[in-house]
Amino acid sequence: MAKYYSKWEKALGRWRALRLSLVNRQIHPKAEIICSHLYGTDKIAIGERSWLYYCRVRVSSHSKYIHIGARTKVECNAFLNAHKGYITIGSRCFVGPNVIIQGFGGVEIGNHVMIAGNTFISSSNHIFEGVPADEFLDREEGAKVVIHDDVWIGSNVTITAGVEIGPRCVIGAGSVVTRSIPAGSVAVGAPAKVVKSIPL
């Protein structure tokens, strides 16, 4: 752990989690929140021994919640934004640097999921057809993204709204996932296609 942050930062992170846990019982006092920005702490849950390192977690007043399980790591510059919806991340997960997760239509991530750096997960689309240009940014529709247990997502992957990735899948680096991926699959490419099966 020392390679990530100093003893002082570690102690400060533990103290901050303990202080927040006194106000919000959904934040475990043994979590570590190190130099991270949390907006809407009353709607955020963080499990035991999870640590957030120089990242942002945002739940606005019109959003639902963000729940992070136990022993999950969220790396530097990651941005979890509930954006009128919700995000759930299971236990023993890894969210790499610069990962963006947008929860407008809901994002559900299981246990033991690894998400490498610079990945973008979006649960919404803008409505373009038949919409005046000045209204385009305001017209948005959500579709839930589900990532099941034991999934490994490579770096620079984009996962679009409405996608479901089955258990024990691998998504190759740089892939664009526009359709659901069945359990036990290796998928690569843009758009991502299944190239191999993994024994379940």
Protein backbone atom coordinates (compact mmCIF):
# COMPACT_ATOMS: atom_id res chain seq x y z
CA MET A 1 0.00 0.00 0.00
CA ALA A 2 2.90 2.36 0.65
CA LYS A 3 3.57 2.75 -3.05
CA TYR A 4 0.20 4.46 -3.49
CA TYR A 5 0.24 7.00 -0.68
CA SER A 6 2.08 8.12 2.42
CA LYS A 7 1.35 7.08 6.01
CA TRP A 8 -0.04 10.56 6.61
CA GLU A 9 -2.48 10.27 3.70
CA LYS A 10 -3.52 6.80 4.89
CA ALA A 11 -4.21 8.05 8.42
CA LEU A 12 -6.13 11.05 7.07
CA GLY A 13 -8.19 8.78 4.80
CA ARG A 14 -9.16 6.56 7.71
CA TRP A 15 -10.04 9.55 9.87
CA ARG A 16 -12.27 10.97 7.13
CA ALA A 17 -14.14 7.67 6.69
CA LEU A 18 -14.61 7.42 10.45
CA ARG A 19 -15.94 10.99 10.60
CA LEU A 20 -18.36 10.40 7.70
CA SER A 21 -19.54 7.11 9.23
CA LEU A 22 -20.77 9.02 12.27
CA VAL A 23 -23.15 10.95 9.99
CA ASN A 24 -23.91 8.22 7.45
CA ARG A 25 -23.94 4.64 8.77
CA GLN A 26 -23.69 3.34 5.21
CA ILE A 27 -20.05 4.49 5.09
CA HIS A 28 -17.98 1.91 6.95
CA PRO A 29 -15.60 3.37 9.57
CA LYS A 30 -12.81 1.10 8.29
CA ALA A 31 -12.98 2.43 4.73
CA GLU A 32 -10.23 4.74 3.48
CA ILE A 33 -11.17 7.94 1.64
CA ILE A 34 -7.90 9.52 0.55
CA CYS A 35 -7.94 12.99 -0.99
CA SER A 36 -11.21 12.15 -2.76
CA HIS A 37 -14.27 14.33 -3.32
CA LEU A 38 -17.65 12.94 -2.27
CA TYR A 39 -20.76 14.89 -3.21
CA GLY A 40 -24.07 13.85 -1.65
CA THR A 41 -22.61 11.71 1.13
CA ASP A 42 -26.07 10.90 2.52
CA LYS A 43 -26.71 8.78 -0.61
CA ILE A 44 -23.29 7.07 -0.72
CA ALA A 45 -22.45 3.69 0.81
CA ILE A 46 -18.85 2.44 1.10
CA GLY A 47 -18.00 -1.02 2.43
CA GLU A 48 -15.39 -2.20 4.89
CA ARG A 49 -11.76 -1.77 3.83
CA SER A 50 -12.65 -0.23 0.50
CA TRP A 51 -10.45 2.67 -0.48
CA LEU A 52 -10.99 5.66 -2.70
CA TYR A 53 -7.83 7.41 -3.87
CA TYR A 54 -7.92 10.89 -5.46
CA CYS A 55 -11.26 10.20 -7.19
CA ARG A 56 -14.71 11.80 -7.38
CA VAL A 57 -18.03 10.27 -6.32
CA ARG A 58 -21.10 12.39 -7.12
CA VAL A 59 -24.74 11.87 -6.18
CA SER A 60 -26.80 14.99 -6.82
CA SER A 61 -30.10 15.82 -5.15
CA HIS A 62 -32.07 14.35 -8.08
CA SER A 63 -30.00 11.13 -8.21
CA LYS A 64 -30.67 7.88 -6.36
CA TYR A 65 -27.45 6.48 -4.82
CA ILE A 66 -23.97 5.05 -5.24
CA HIS A 67 -23.11 1.87 -3.30
CA ILE A 68 -19.58 0.43 -3.18
CA GLY A 69 -19.00 -2.99 -1.59
CA ALA A 70 -16.25 -4.20 0.72
CA ARG A 71 -12.54 -4.27 -0.22
CA THR A 72 -13.09 -2.43 -3.49
CA LYS A 73 -10.44 -0.04 -4.82
CA VAL A 74 -11.23 3.10 -6.80
CA GLU A 75 -8.11 4.64 -8.30
CA CYS A 76 -7.01 8.19 -9.01
CA ASN A 77 -9.08 10.45 -11.28
CA ALA A 78 -11.93 7.94 -11.52
CA PHE A 79 -15.35 9.63 -11.64
CA LEU A 80 -18.50 7.86 -10.45
CA ASN A 81 -21.50 10.03 -11.33
CA ALA A 82 -25.02 8.80 -10.46
CA HIS A 83 -26.50 11.48 -12.79
CA LYS A 84 -30.22 11.05 -11.96
CA GLY A 85 -29.76 7.28 -11.62
CA TYR A 86 -27.64 4.92 -9.52
CA ILE A 87 -24.41 2.94 -9.47
CA THR A 88 -23.72 -0.25 -7.49
CA ILE A 89 -20.28 -1.83 -7.35
CA GLY A 90 -19.78 -5.15 -5.57
CA SER A 91 -17.03 -6.40 -3.28
CA ARG A 92 -13.35 -6.94 -4.14
CA CYS A 93 -13.58 -4.91 -7.34
CA PHE A 94 -10.96 -2.68 -8.94
CA VAL A 95 -11.82 0.57 -10.73
CA GLY A 96 -8.73 1.87 -12.51
CA PRO A 97 -7.40 5.37 -13.10
CA ASN A 98 -9.50 7.76 -15.21
CA VAL A 99 -12.48 5.40 -15.35
CA ILE A 100 -15.82 7.19 -15.82
CA ILE A 101 -19.08 5.51 -14.82
CA GLN A 102 -22.29 7.38 -15.61
CA GLY A 103 -25.40 6.06 -13.85
CA PHE A 104 -28.30 7.82 -15.59
CA GLY A 105 -30.07 4.57 -16.54
CA GLY A 106 -28.50 2.54 -13.73
CA VAL A 107 -25.19 0.68 -13.59
CA GLU A 108 -24.89 -2.60 -11.68
CA ILE A 109 -21.41 -4.13 -11.27
CA GLY A 110 -20.98 -7.48 -9.52
CA ASN A 111 -18.21 -8.88 -7.32
CA HIS A 112 -14.58 -9.49 -8.35
CA VAL A 113 -14.78 -7.17 -11.37
CA MET A 114 -11.61 -5.51 -12.70
CA ILE A 115 -12.04 -2.34 -14.77
CA ALA A 116 -8.77 -1.07 -16.26
CA GLY A 117 -7.88 2.57 -16.77
CA ASN A 118 -9.58 5.00 -19.14
CA THR A 119 -12.72 2.89 -19.47
CA PHE A 120 -16.06 4.66 -20.01
CA ILE A 121 -19.36 3.08 -18.94
CA SER A 122 -22.47 4.98 -20.00
CA SER A 123 -26.06 4.04 -19.21
CA SER A 124 -27.69 6.72 -21.35
CA ASN A 125 -27.99 8.02 -24.89
CA HIS A 126 -29.00 11.39 -26.27
CA ILE A 127 -32.09 11.42 -28.47
CA PHE A 128 -31.01 12.88 -31.78
CA GLU A 129 -33.65 12.14 -34.41
CA GLY A 130 -36.49 14.63 -34.63
CA VAL A 131 -35.04 16.84 -31.90
CA PRO A 132 -34.20 20.51 -32.53
CA ALA A 133 -30.50 21.30 -32.20
CA ASP A 134 -31.06 23.58 -29.20
CA GLU A 135 -32.81 20.73 -27.29
CA PHE A 136 -30.39 17.93 -28.14
CA LEU A 137 -28.36 18.11 -24.94
CA ASP A 138 -31.48 18.01 -22.76
CA ARG A 139 -33.05 14.94 -24.41
CA GLU A 140 -31.60 11.85 -22.80
CA GLU A 141 -32.86 8.30 -22.34
CA GLY A 142 -31.44 5.71 -19.97
CA ALA A 143 -30.87 1.96 -20.30
CA LYS A 144 -29.37 -0.12 -17.50
CA VAL A 145 -25.84 -1.56 -17.79
CA VAL A 146 -25.19 -4.82 -15.93
CA ILE A 147 -21.72 -6.31 -15.44
CA HIS A 148 -21.85 -9.65 -13.65
CA ASP A 149 -19.30 -11.27 -11.31
CA ASP A 150 -15.73 -12.17 -12.27
CA VAL A 151 -15.40 -9.90 -15.31
CA TRP A 152 -12.15 -8.37 -16.53
CA ILE A 153 -12.46 -5.21 -18.62
CA GLY A 154 -9.29 -4.04 -20.37
CA SER A 155 -8.11 -0.46 -20.68
CA ASN A 156 -9.76 2.13 -22.94
CA VAL A 157 -13.00 0.15 -23.25
CA THR A 158 -16.35 1.85 -23.93
CA ILE A 159 -19.54 0.16 -22.72
CA THR A 160 -22.76 1.66 -24.01
CA ALA A 161 -26.28 1.86 -22.58
CA GLY A 162 -28.37 -1.30 -22.30
CA VAL A 163 -25.44 -3.73 -22.36
CA GLU A 164 -25.25 -6.81 -20.12
CA ILE A 165 -21.92 -8.61 -19.70
CA GLY A 166 -22.29 -12.12 -18.33
CA PRO A 167 -20.20 -13.72 -15.57
CA ARG A 168 -16.55 -14.64 -16.19
CA CYS A 169 -16.04 -12.54 -19.32
CA VAL A 170 -12.96 -10.75 -20.62
CA ILE A 171 -13.33 -7.58 -22.69
CA GLY A 172 -10.19 -6.77 -24.68
CA ALA A 173 -8.47 -3.39 -24.45
CA GLY A 174 -9.87 -0.70 -26.73
CA SER A 175 -13.14 -2.52 -27.37
CA VAL A 176 -16.50 -0.80 -27.85
CA VAL A 177 -19.27 -2.92 -26.35
CA THR A 178 -22.59 -2.09 -27.97
CA ARG A 179 -24.36 -5.43 -27.47
CA SER A 180 -24.67 -7.85 -24.57
CA ILE A 181 -21.93 -10.47 -24.11
CA PRO A 182 -22.85 -14.00 -22.97
CA ALA A 183 -21.25 -15.63 -19.92
CA GLY A 184 -17.77 -17.08 -20.28
CA SER A 185 -16.77 -15.09 -23.35
CA VAL A 186 -13.72 -13.20 -24.57
CA ALA A 187 -14.85 -10.24 -26.66
CA VAL A 188 -12.68 -7.76 -28.59
CA GLY A 189 -13.04 -5.10 -31.24
CA ALA A 190 -15.19 -2.12 -32.17
CA PRO A 191 -17.92 -3.16 -32.03
CA ALA A 192 -16.91 -5.97 -29.65
CA LYS A 193 -17.43 -9.53 -30.89
CA VAL A 194 -16.99 -12.82 -29.09
CA VAL A 195 -13.79 -14.56 -30.25
CA LYS A 196 -13.38 -17.23 -27.62
CA SER A 197 -15.23 -19.05 -24.85
CA ILE A 198 -13.97 -19.56 -21.29
CA PRO A 199 -14.99 -22.64 -19.26
CA LEU A 200 -17.39 -21.59 -16.50
